[in-house]
Amino acid sequence: MSSRQVSILSRKAFRKRGKVLKEFCDTTSIHGLKYITEENIHVLKRVMWTLVFLGGILFSGYFCMQMWNKWEDSPVLMSLDSNRYPLKNIPFPAVTICNVNKVSKTKLLQYMEDPRYKDVTYEKMQETLRYMTKLDRAITNEKELEYLNGYYEALNISSLDLFEILRESAPSCKDMIMDCIWLGLPSPCFDYFSFVPTDDGICCTFNGAKYDDMELNIKSKYRKRTSPCERQWIPYGTCLKLDANIEDYSVTNGKFDGFKVLVHTSEEFPDVADRGFVVGPGSETFVGVKGITTFNTEEVAKGVTPNKRQCQVEGEQTLKYFPQYSRSACTIECATRLMQDRCKCRPYFFRADRGTKLCDLASYSCISDAYEDVRQKEEVFCNCLPPCTDVWYDPEISSNVAVLHVYYKDKTGVRYKTDIRFGVEDFISAMGGLLGLGLGLSFISVFELFYFLCLRFIFPSSKTLFRNREQEKQVQPPGYGNNIGSSTSTVGTAVSVT
């Protein structure tokens, strides 16, 4: 086929495509296109309608992009599900009480009568225990800690021995709590207390989860509550009469007397040093707690990734040292791993891998730095999202005259629901509305575009191309180069090759 014939066929195909395009513009339901291709129209009107149509594309495109970004970045929405949620579905919180005095002077003097500690002065042991119960003191005193560590190594006193001194000399639950009432009854209130290590020394936790640390021989008591929840609001809940015993102070972590108290969920690590509030001696403190719960819908769990929904569905992430996932437990586990990697040891208040050695005094600066890094840059070192189904407590504190009351301030709690902000049907509806507003585009318009583009535009071109190739094969038989002057005919078509 000569180049002239190819050029003629190309022009015919172009004209045919132009006719198809004009037919589409004249008949489509998309607004404005028929005015652009209308015959015998003034050029200014054609330009005006072209600009209007392009404006509609820009308008729809911009807002559709905004809608897409909103769908991608904020796919879920937390909303109030009920502000009258029954308290029977919200467990009573754990209450951790830490004495400002970390060591009983009487107990410490008795314990140091052991012949192993005959060469250790009372003042030096005080200084040692002060570092062990307040980590931030260790950050700027590295040389002093190294000296103390060498001092105890020379006396063959291990870090485990020092922990035993701290545990045995710390004020016990019965030392601090003179009287305990739970649900209006004095018994069995004391059965719900556990003596557990925290970041603020060894403290007493009411209604805490089971705590076992085989390396340090710690096994807390755990008793499941079965009492009716209707009585957890005032005047019931728990009422504790606390004894600060100021005369027995030896190692204190504050410039005040009394206690630090934290209200938290049972599974959480009691980070009293960061979040606890103060209860002073000679005052009656009422802590009215608002129970708040969250839950997620099934669509959120299945259709949205954790990073987009910003929470963990139950079972998505398990912890090594805690039986149940919570953000606090995840952060503590992250800090523990960082301490094991950096410092090759663990502090006494964090559980770790079996066989991990207990940190000696020389390592306290290292674990203090690691703990501070996690607290200040949690998003860098850890990937700890809150659970989608969670419980937390909002305490309201008021003081009057001599005891600690913790109770639910209302007979109901608050429940929040995490649900899909935009489902697929919402997204399609929003996009359809924007495209309809800007261009008059509908589902029928999309099918029209598909019909003209594929069935009327592409397929006929493919068919023509196929027919031309068949014709070329038939007009160029074998031996074509030796019979240039010959001619060939095809069915319905005669082409002379010269």
Protein backbone atom coordinates (compact mmCIF):
# COMPACT_ATOMS: atom_id res chain seq x y z
CA MET A 1 0.00 0.00 0.00
CA SER A 2 1.39 3.35 -1.03
CA SER A 3 1.99 6.22 1.39
CA ARG A 4 -0.73 8.21 -0.39
CA GLN A 5 -3.28 5.51 0.26
CA VAL A 6 -2.20 5.30 3.93
CA SER A 7 -2.59 9.07 4.25
CA ILE A 8 -6.09 8.90 2.74
CA LEU A 9 -7.13 6.12 5.11
CA SER A 10 -5.74 8.04 8.09
CA ARG A 11 -7.71 11.15 7.16
CA LYS A 12 -10.87 9.08 6.76
CA ALA A 13 -10.33 7.49 10.16
CA PHE A 14 -9.70 10.89 11.76
CA ARG A 15 -12.88 12.31 10.20
CA LYS A 16 -14.82 9.29 11.40
CA ARG A 17 -13.51 9.70 14.93
CA GLY A 18 -14.41 13.36 14.81
CA LYS A 19 -17.97 12.43 13.83
CA VAL A 20 -18.16 9.96 16.71
CA LEU A 21 -16.85 12.62 19.13
CA LYS A 22 -19.39 15.18 17.88
CA GLU A 23 -22.17 12.62 18.13
CA PHE A 24 -21.11 11.95 21.74
CA CYS A 25 -21.05 15.66 22.63
CA ASP A 26 -24.45 16.24 20.99
CA THR A 27 -26.18 13.34 22.72
CA THR A 28 -24.43 12.96 26.10
CA SER A 29 -26.10 13.90 29.37
CA ILE A 30 -22.92 15.65 30.56
CA HIS A 31 -23.73 19.34 30.74
CA GLY A 32 -22.22 21.88 28.35
CA LEU A 33 -20.55 19.62 25.77
CA LYS A 34 -23.30 20.00 23.14
CA TYR A 35 -22.76 23.79 23.12
CA ILE A 36 -19.05 23.37 22.43
CA THR A 37 -19.59 21.23 19.30
CA GLU A 38 -22.78 22.98 18.10
CA GLU A 39 -22.62 23.98 14.44
CA ASN A 40 -22.92 27.60 13.27
CA ILE A 41 -22.11 28.97 16.74
CA HIS A 42 -20.07 32.12 17.28
CA VAL A 43 -16.48 31.46 18.28
CA LEU A 44 -16.83 33.51 21.49
CA LYS A 45 -19.77 31.37 22.60
CA ARG A 46 -17.77 28.22 21.86
CA VAL A 47 -14.85 29.56 23.89
CA MET A 48 -17.20 30.57 26.72
CA TRP A 49 -18.78 27.11 26.96
CA THR A 50 -15.35 25.49 26.75
CA LEU A 51 -14.16 27.59 29.69
CA VAL A 52 -17.36 26.82 31.64
CA PHE A 53 -16.88 23.09 31.04
CA LEU A 54 -13.21 23.25 32.09
CA GLY A 55 -14.29 25.20 35.20
CA GLY A 56 -16.74 22.40 36.02
CA ILE A 57 -13.92 19.86 35.68
CA LEU A 58 -11.66 21.89 37.99
CA PHE A 59 -14.46 22.42 40.53
CA SER A 60 -15.43 18.75 40.64
CA GLY A 61 -11.82 17.57 40.54
CA TYR A 62 -10.75 19.78 43.44
CA PHE A 63 -13.57 18.82 45.78
CA CYS A 64 -13.39 15.15 44.80
CA MET A 65 -9.71 15.21 45.72
CA GLN A 66 -10.57 16.83 49.06
CA MET A 67 -13.17 14.13 49.67
CA TRP A 68 -10.64 11.41 48.77
CA ASN A 69 -8.05 12.82 51.18
CA LYS A 70 -10.66 13.01 53.92
CA TRP A 71 -11.64 9.41 53.30
CA GLU A 72 -8.03 8.28 53.32
CA ASP A 73 -6.80 10.32 56.30
CA SER A 74 -9.83 10.18 58.63
CA PRO A 75 -11.77 7.04 57.82
CA VAL A 76 -13.21 6.60 61.32
CA LEU A 77 -15.20 8.78 63.68
CA MET A 78 -15.65 8.47 67.45
CA SER A 79 -19.08 9.56 68.59
CA LEU A 80 -21.11 9.40 71.79
CA ASP A 81 -23.05 6.16 71.88
CA SER A 82 -24.65 6.55 75.32
CA ASN A 83 -24.25 8.81 78.33
CA ARG A 84 -26.38 6.44 80.41
CA TYR A 85 -24.28 3.34 80.00
CA PRO A 86 -24.95 0.84 82.84
CA LEU A 87 -22.21 0.63 85.47
CA LYS A 88 -22.60 -3.14 85.61
CA ASN A 89 -20.68 -3.24 82.32
CA ILE A 90 -17.80 -1.09 83.62
CA PRO A 91 -15.40 -2.76 86.07
CA PHE A 92 -14.48 -0.83 89.18
CA PRO A 93 -11.02 0.76 88.77
CA ALA A 94 -7.81 -0.26 90.43
CA VAL A 95 -6.48 2.19 93.03
CA THR A 96 -2.72 2.30 93.64
CA ILE A 97 -1.49 4.05 96.79
CA CYS A 98 2.16 4.94 97.26
CA ASN A 99 3.49 6.39 100.48
CA VAL A 100 5.66 9.45 99.94
CA ASN A 101 7.99 7.71 102.37
CA LYS A 102 9.45 4.76 100.44
CA VAL A 103 11.27 3.16 103.36
CA SER A 104 10.22 2.65 106.96
CA LYS A 105 12.99 3.86 109.25
CA THR A 106 12.16 1.20 111.87
CA LYS A 107 12.16 -1.64 109.32
CA LEU A 108 15.37 -0.49 107.67
CA LEU A 109 17.28 -0.31 110.95
CA GLN A 110 16.07 -3.79 111.87
CA TYR A 111 17.02 -5.22 108.48
CA MET A 112 20.50 -3.68 108.63
CA GLU A 113 21.22 -5.61 111.80
CA ASP A 114 21.97 -8.50 109.46
CA PRO A 115 25.76 -9.20 109.66
CA ARG A 116 26.04 -8.86 105.86
CA TYR A 117 25.41 -5.13 106.18
CA LYS A 118 27.53 -4.37 109.24
CA ASP A 119 29.97 -2.26 107.15
CA VAL A 120 27.17 -0.23 105.49
CA THR A 121 26.10 2.94 107.26
CA TYR A 122 22.45 3.88 107.59
CA GLU A 123 23.03 7.12 105.66
CA LYS A 124 24.65 5.32 102.73
CA MET A 125 21.79 2.83 102.53
CA GLN A 126 19.33 5.74 102.60
CA GLU A 127 21.12 7.34 99.69
CA THR A 128 21.12 4.04 97.77
CA LEU A 129 17.41 3.43 98.24
CA ARG A 130 16.64 7.01 97.26
CA TYR A 131 18.21 6.38 93.84
CA MET A 132 16.32 3.11 93.48
CA THR A 133 12.92 4.72 94.12
CA LYS A 134 13.29 7.87 92.02
CA LEU A 135 14.85 7.33 88.62
CA ASP A 136 15.22 10.97 87.59
CA ARG A 137 17.81 11.46 90.35
CA ALA A 138 20.07 9.02 88.51
CA ILE A 139 20.31 11.00 85.27
CA THR A 140 22.85 13.55 86.52
CA ASN A 141 24.64 11.44 89.13
CA GLU A 142 26.37 8.78 87.08
CA LYS A 143 29.73 8.99 88.88
CA GLU A 144 28.16 8.69 92.31
CA LEU A 145 26.17 5.64 91.19
CA GLU A 146 29.32 3.98 89.82
CA TYR A 147 31.03 4.61 93.17
CA LEU A 148 28.13 3.09 95.11
CA ASN A 149 28.03 0.10 92.78
CA GLY A 150 31.73 -0.55 93.29
CA TYR A 151 31.28 -0.11 97.03
CA TYR A 152 28.58 -2.82 97.22
CA GLU A 153 30.47 -5.14 94.88
CA ALA A 154 33.44 -4.98 97.24
CA LEU A 155 31.13 -6.02 100.10
CA ASN A 156 29.63 -8.80 97.96
CA ILE A 157 26.16 -7.19 98.10
CA SER A 158 24.25 -7.80 94.85
CA SER A 159 21.50 -5.79 93.19
CA LEU A 160 19.06 -8.53 94.24
CA ASP A 161 20.14 -8.04 97.87
CA LEU A 162 19.44 -4.31 97.57
CA PHE A 163 15.99 -5.01 96.13
CA GLU A 164 15.26 -7.33 99.07
CA ILE A 165 16.17 -4.51 101.46
CA LEU A 166 13.82 -2.16 99.62
CA ARG A 167 10.95 -4.66 99.60
CA GLU A 168 11.30 -5.66 103.23
CA SER A 169 11.71 -2.11 104.53
CA ALA A 170 8.94 -0.47 102.43
CA PRO A 171 5.73 0.41 104.33
CA SER A 172 3.37 -2.53 103.81
CA CYS A 173 -0.33 -2.24 102.96
CA LYS A 174 -1.28 -2.92 106.56
CA ASP A 175 1.20 -0.26 107.71
CA MET A 176 -0.46 2.36 105.50
CA ILE A 177 -4.13 1.32 105.65
CA MET A 178 -5.72 1.55 109.07
CA ASP A 179 -9.23 0.73 107.91
CA CYS A 180 -10.76 -0.45 104.64
CA ILE A 181 -14.40 -0.57 103.56
CA TRP A 182 -15.62 -1.99 100.26
CA LEU A 183 -19.28 -1.69 99.20
CA GLY A 184 -20.17 -0.57 102.72
CA LEU A 185 -18.59 -3.65 104.35
CA PRO A 186 -15.22 -3.87 106.17
CA SER A 187 -14.56 -7.43 105.01
CA PRO A 188 -13.05 -8.76 102.78
CA CYS A 189 -11.62 -5.41 101.68
CA PHE A 190 -7.99 -6.22 102.55
CA ASP A 191 -8.12 -9.32 100.36
CA TYR A 192 -8.18 -7.11 97.27
CA PHE A 193 -4.81 -5.43 98.02
CA SER A 194 -1.50 -6.39 96.41
CA PHE A 195 2.01 -5.20 97.27
CA VAL A 196 3.61 -4.50 93.87
CA PRO A 197 6.63 -2.63 92.44
CA THR A 198 5.94 0.62 90.57
CA ASP A 199 8.02 3.46 89.13
CA ASP A 200 7.45 5.22 92.48
CA GLY A 201 8.70 2.47 94.76
CA ILE A 202 6.76 -0.49 96.12
CA CYS A 203 3.11 0.39 96.59
CA CYS A 204 -0.31 -1.06 97.41
CA THR A 205 -2.84 -1.68 94.67
CA PHE A 206 -6.53 -2.26 95.34
CA ASN A 207 -8.37 -4.40 92.77
CA GLY A 208 -5.30 -4.80 90.57
CA ALA A 209 -4.65 -7.53 88.01
CA LYS A 210 -2.57 -10.56 88.87
CA TYR A 211 1.14 -9.71 89.07
CA ASP A 212 3.82 -12.41 88.97
CA ASP A 213 7.58 -11.94 88.73
CA MET A 214 9.30 -15.25 89.28
CA GLU A 215 12.76 -13.72 88.99
CA LEU A 216 12.11 -11.50 92.02
CA ASN A 217 9.85 -14.00 93.77
CA ILE A 218 6.82 -11.68 93.63
CA LYS A 219 3.37 -13.20 93.41
CA SER A 220 0.46 -10.88 94.10
CA LYS A 221 -2.89 -11.91 95.51
CA TYR A 222 -5.73 -11.84 93.03
CA ARG A 223 -9.37 -12.18 93.83
CA LYS A 224 -12.10 -11.79 91.29
CA ARG A 225 -14.92 -9.49 92.36
CA THR A 226 -18.48 -10.72 92.01
CA SER A 227 -20.27 -8.05 94.04
CA PRO A 228 -23.12 -6.03 92.49
CA CYS A 229 -21.96 -2.93 90.67
CA GLU A 230 -24.97 -0.81 91.67
CA ARG A 231 -23.29 -0.21 95.01
CA GLN A 232 -20.05 1.16 93.55
CA TRP A 233 -21.34 4.73 93.62
CA ILE A 234 -21.42 7.03 96.65
CA PRO A 235 -21.79 6.32 99.53
CA TYR A 236 -20.31 2.94 98.61
CA GLY A 237 -17.27 2.21 96.44
CA THR A 238 -14.15 1.89 98.56
CA CYS A 239 -13.25 3.93 101.63
CA LEU A 240 -9.71 3.82 103.03
CA LYS A 241 -8.36 5.31 106.22
CA LEU A 242 -4.65 5.91 105.65
CA ASP A 243 -1.82 6.38 108.14
CA ALA A 244 1.12 8.42 106.85
CA ASN A 245 3.20 7.61 109.99
CA ILE A 246 5.37 10.68 109.48
CA GLU A 247 7.58 9.82 112.46
CA ASP A 248 8.80 6.72 110.58
CA TYR A 249 9.93 8.60 107.44
CA SER A 250 13.34 7.62 106.08
CA VAL A 251 13.49 7.96 102.25
CA THR A 252 10.99 10.39 100.75
CA ASN A 253 10.31 11.34 97.13
CA GLY A 254 8.63 14.69 97.57
CA LYS A 255 8.49 17.91 99.51
CA PHE A 256 5.18 16.98 101.08
CA ASP A 257 3.80 14.38 103.47
CA GLY A 258 1.15 11.83 102.69
CA PHE A 259 0.47 9.67 99.65
CA LYS A 260 0.33 9.61 95.87
CA VAL A 261 -2.75 7.89 94.48
CA LEU A 262 -3.53 6.70 90.96
CA VAL A 263 -6.93 5.52 89.69
CA HIS A 264 -6.44 3.27 86.66
CA THR A 265 -7.66 0.12 84.94
CA SER A 266 -6.58 -3.16 86.50
CA GLU A 267 -4.44 -4.19 83.51
CA GLU A 268 -2.49 -0.93 83.32
CA PHE A 269 0.97 -0.48 84.78
CA PRO A 270 0.58 1.96 87.70
CA ASP A 271 2.89 4.78 86.58
CA VAL A 272 2.21 6.70 89.78
CA ALA A 273 5.24 8.95 89.44
CA ASP A 274 3.79 10.53 86.29
CA ARG A 275 0.03 10.50 86.83
CA GLY A 276 -0.67 10.18 90.55
CA PHE A 277 -2.41 12.85 92.63
CA VAL A 278 -1.52 13.80 96.21
CA VAL A 279 -3.52 12.94 99.32
CA GLY A 280 -2.21 14.70 102.40
CA PRO A 281 -2.57 13.57 106.02
CA GLY A 282 -5.38 15.16 108.02
CA SER A 283 -7.68 15.47 105.01
CA GLU A 284 -10.69 13.58 103.73
CA THR A 285 -10.48 13.21 99.97
CA PHE A 286 -13.42 12.27 97.78
CA VAL A 287 -12.53 10.89 94.35
CA GLY A 288 -15.64 10.74 92.19
CA VAL A 289 -14.84 8.62 89.14
CA LYS A 290 -16.55 8.86 85.77
CA GLY A 291 -16.38 5.53 83.95
CA ILE A 292 -15.78 5.93 80.20
CA THR A 293 -15.73 3.09 77.67
CA THR A 294 -15.11 2.85 73.93
CA PHE A 295 -15.90 0.14 71.41
CA ASN A 296 -15.55 -0.32 67.67
CA THR A 297 -17.96 -1.60 65.06
CA GLU A 298 -17.22 -4.70 62.98
CA GLU A 299 -16.80 -2.56 59.85
CA VAL A 300 -13.96 -0.65 61.51
CA ALA A 301 -12.17 -3.86 62.52
CA LYS A 302 -12.38 -5.40 59.06
CA GLY A 303 -12.17 -2.44 56.71
CA VAL A 304 -9.67 -0.01 58.25
CA THR A 305 -5.99 -0.55 59.06
CA PRO A 306 -4.69 0.20 62.60
CA ASN A 307 -2.66 3.20 61.44
CA LYS A 308 -5.73 4.79 59.85
CA ARG A 309 -8.17 4.04 62.65
CA GLN A 310 -5.49 4.90 65.27
CA CYS A 311 -6.40 2.06 67.61
CA GLN A 312 -5.80 -1.66 68.03
CA VAL A 313 -8.62 -4.18 67.71
CA GLU A 314 -8.51 -7.00 70.24
CA GLY A 315 -6.09 -9.70 69.12
CA GLU A 316 -4.16 -7.56 66.62
CA GLN A 317 -1.19 -7.03 68.94
CA THR A 318 -0.13 -9.24 71.82
CA LEU A 319 2.30 -8.38 74.60
CA LYS A 320 5.03 -10.53 76.04
CA TYR A 321 4.95 -9.42 79.66
CA PHE A 322 1.27 -8.48 80.05
CA PRO A 323 -1.72 -10.80 79.55
CA GLN A 324 -3.97 -8.06 78.14
CA TYR A 325 -3.14 -5.27 75.72
CA SER A 326 -3.36 -1.63 76.79
CA ARG A 327 -1.46 1.40 75.64
CA SER A 328 0.21 1.79 79.03
CA ALA A 329 1.30 -1.87 79.07
CA CYS A 330 2.59 -1.58 75.50
CA THR A 331 4.64 1.50 76.40
CA ILE A 332 6.13 -0.23 79.45
CA GLU A 333 7.01 -3.29 77.38
CA CYS A 334 8.63 -1.04 74.79
CA ALA A 335 10.67 0.68 77.54
CA THR A 336 11.68 -2.73 78.91
CA ARG A 337 12.97 -3.89 75.51
CA LEU A 338 14.87 -0.63 75.06
CA MET A 339 16.48 -1.04 78.49
CA GLN A 340 17.45 -4.62 77.73
CA ASP A 341 19.02 -3.56 74.42
CA ARG A 342 20.85 -0.52 75.76
CA CYS A 343 21.63 -1.43 79.35
CA LYS A 344 21.60 -5.26 79.23
CA CYS A 345 19.45 -5.40 82.36
CA ARG A 346 16.00 -4.67 83.79
CA PRO A 347 14.80 -2.48 86.69
CA TYR A 348 12.98 -4.18 89.53
CA PHE A 349 9.61 -2.59 88.64
CA PHE A 350 9.51 -3.95 85.05
CA ARG A 351 9.17 -7.59 84.11
CA ALA A 352 11.50 -8.89 81.38
CA ASP A 353 12.80 -12.02 79.68
CA ARG A 354 13.67 -14.87 81.98
CA GLY A 355 17.36 -14.73 82.83
CA THR A 356 17.70 -10.96 82.32
CA LYS A 357 19.81 -9.65 85.16
CA LEU A 358 18.54 -7.07 87.60
CA CYS A 359 20.11 -3.65 87.01
CA ASP A 360 22.89 -2.70 89.38
CA LEU A 361 23.36 0.88 90.55
CA ALA A 362 25.82 1.69 87.77
CA SER A 363 23.08 0.97 85.20
CA TYR A 364 20.52 3.33 86.73
CA SER A 365 21.65 6.28 84.62
CA CYS A 366 21.23 4.15 81.50
CA ILE A 367 17.71 2.94 82.38
CA SER A 368 16.74 6.48 83.43
CA ASP A 369 17.78 7.79 80.00
CA ALA A 370 15.94 4.97 78.23
CA TYR A 371 12.77 5.51 80.25
CA GLU A 372 12.90 9.26 79.61
CA ASP A 373 13.37 8.68 75.86
CA VAL A 374 10.26 6.51 75.74
CA ARG A 375 8.21 9.03 77.73
CA GLN A 376 9.33 11.99 75.62
CA LYS A 377 9.49 10.30 72.17
CA GLU A 378 7.08 7.41 72.39
CA GLU A 379 6.11 7.67 68.72
CA VAL A 380 9.78 7.21 67.71
CA PHE A 381 10.64 4.19 69.88
CA CYS A 382 7.27 2.46 70.22
CA ASN A 383 4.24 1.63 68.13
CA CYS A 384 1.62 1.75 70.86
CA LEU A 385 -1.89 2.64 69.82
CA PRO A 386 -4.77 2.68 72.30
CA PRO A 387 -7.17 -0.27 72.16
CA CYS A 388 -10.36 0.35 70.19
CA THR A 389 -12.36 -1.25 72.99
CA ASP A 390 -11.13 0.40 76.16
CA VAL A 391 -12.08 1.66 79.61
CA TRP A 392 -10.68 4.66 81.39
CA TYR A 393 -11.60 6.72 84.43
CA ASP A 394 -11.94 10.44 84.86
CA PRO A 395 -11.46 11.25 88.57
CA GLU A 396 -12.95 14.38 90.14
CA ILE A 397 -11.17 15.19 93.40
CA SER A 398 -12.46 17.20 96.34
CA SER A 399 -10.94 17.39 99.81
CA ASN A 400 -12.47 18.04 103.19
CA VAL A 401 -11.20 16.44 106.41
CA ALA A 402 -9.53 12.76 107.09
CA VAL A 403 -10.02 9.68 104.72
CA LEU A 404 -9.85 8.55 101.05
CA HIS A 405 -13.11 7.67 99.26
CA VAL A 406 -13.06 6.29 95.70
CA TYR A 407 -16.44 5.71 94.08
CA TYR A 408 -18.42 6.23 90.90
CA LYS A 409 -19.81 9.78 90.93
CA ASP A 410 -22.88 8.78 88.87
CA LYS A 411 -25.02 5.69 88.57
CA THR A 412 -24.19 5.41 84.87
CA GLY A 413 -21.08 5.74 82.70
CA VAL A 414 -20.32 7.10 79.24
CA ARG A 415 -19.82 4.96 76.17
CA TYR A 416 -18.20 6.08 72.91
CA LYS A 417 -18.41 4.27 69.58
CA THR A 418 -15.71 4.17 66.91
CA ASP A 419 -17.37 3.74 63.53
CA ILE A 420 -16.63 4.27 59.84
CA ARG A 421 -16.73 7.98 59.02
CA PHE A 422 -17.29 7.32 55.30
CA GLY A 423 -18.32 3.90 54.07
CA VAL A 424 -17.96 2.98 50.41
CA GLU A 425 -21.58 3.94 49.81
CA ASP A 426 -21.05 7.32 51.52
CA PHE A 427 -17.92 7.95 49.49
CA ILE A 428 -19.64 7.09 46.20
CA SER A 429 -22.63 9.27 47.13
CA ALA A 430 -20.39 12.23 47.96
CA MET A 431 -18.31 11.85 44.80
CA GLY A 432 -21.46 11.43 42.68
CA GLY A 433 -22.96 14.56 44.20
CA LEU A 434 -19.85 16.62 43.46
CA LEU A 435 -19.51 15.32 39.89
CA GLY A 436 -23.22 15.93 39.32
CA LEU A 437 -22.98 19.47 40.70
CA GLY A 438 -19.93 20.39 38.64
CA LEU A 439 -20.55 18.50 35.39
CA GLY A 440 -23.99 16.93 35.57
CA LEU A 441 -22.19 13.57 35.50
CA SER A 442 -24.21 10.48 36.40
CA PHE A 443 -23.94 6.71 36.12
CA ILE A 444 -25.64 6.95 32.71
CA SER A 445 -23.04 9.53 31.64
CA VAL A 446 -20.24 7.17 32.60
CA PHE A 447 -21.82 4.39 30.52
CA GLU A 448 -22.25 6.79 27.59
CA LEU A 449 -18.55 7.63 27.82
CA PHE A 450 -17.65 3.94 27.89
CA TYR A 451 -20.00 3.21 24.98
CA PHE A 452 -18.63 5.92 22.68
CA LEU A 453 -15.00 5.40 23.71
CA CYS A 454 -14.91 1.63 23.43
CA LEU A 455 -17.79 0.41 21.25
CA ARG A 456 -17.92 3.29 18.78
CA PHE A 457 -14.39 4.69 18.86
CA ILE A 458 -11.80 2.00 19.56
CA PHE A 459 -13.42 -1.16 18.20
CA PRO A 460 -14.20 0.19 14.71
CA SER A 461 -10.61 1.45 14.46
CA SER A 462 -9.28 -1.96 15.45
CA LYS A 463 -11.54 -3.60 12.89
CA THR A 464 -10.34 -1.26 10.13
CA LEU A 465 -6.70 -1.88 11.06
CA PHE A 466 -7.26 -5.64 10.95
CA ARG A 467 -8.95 -5.39 7.51
CA ASN A 468 -6.05 -3.33 6.09
CA ARG A 469 -3.49 -5.87 7.31
CA GLU A 470 -5.47 -8.70 5.68
CA GLN A 471 -5.54 -6.76 2.42
CA GLU A 472 -1.75 -6.26 2.56
CA LYS A 473 -1.19 -9.98 3.02
CA GLN A 474 -3.41 -10.80 0.07
CA VAL A 475 -1.83 -8.26 -2.35
CA GLN A 476 1.74 -9.38 -1.46
CA PRO A 477 1.95 -13.12 -2.21
CA PRO A 478 5.21 -15.11 -1.98
CA GLY A 479 7.61 -14.13 -4.74
CA TYR A 480 6.36 -10.60 -4.70
CA GLY A 481 9.89 -9.23 -5.20
CA ASN A 482 10.36 -11.23 -8.47
CA ASN A 483 6.98 -10.30 -9.96
CA ILE A 484 6.74 -6.60 -9.40
CA GLY A 485 4.70 -6.05 -12.56
CA SER A 486 2.08 -8.61 -11.72
CA SER A 487 -1.34 -7.76 -10.38
CA THR A 488 -3.53 -9.44 -7.83
CA SER A 489 -7.20 -9.36 -7.07
CA THR A 490 -9.12 -10.04 -3.90
CA VAL A 491 -12.76 -10.82 -3.33
CA GLY A 492 -14.61 -7.56 -3.72
CA THR A 493 -11.32 -5.53 -4.04
CA ALA A 494 -8.77 -5.11 -6.85
CA VAL A 495 -5.47 -3.42 -6.10
CA SER A 496 -2.75 -2.92 -8.75
CA VAL A 497 0.81 -3.00 -7.44
CA THR A 498 3.35 -1.08 -9.52
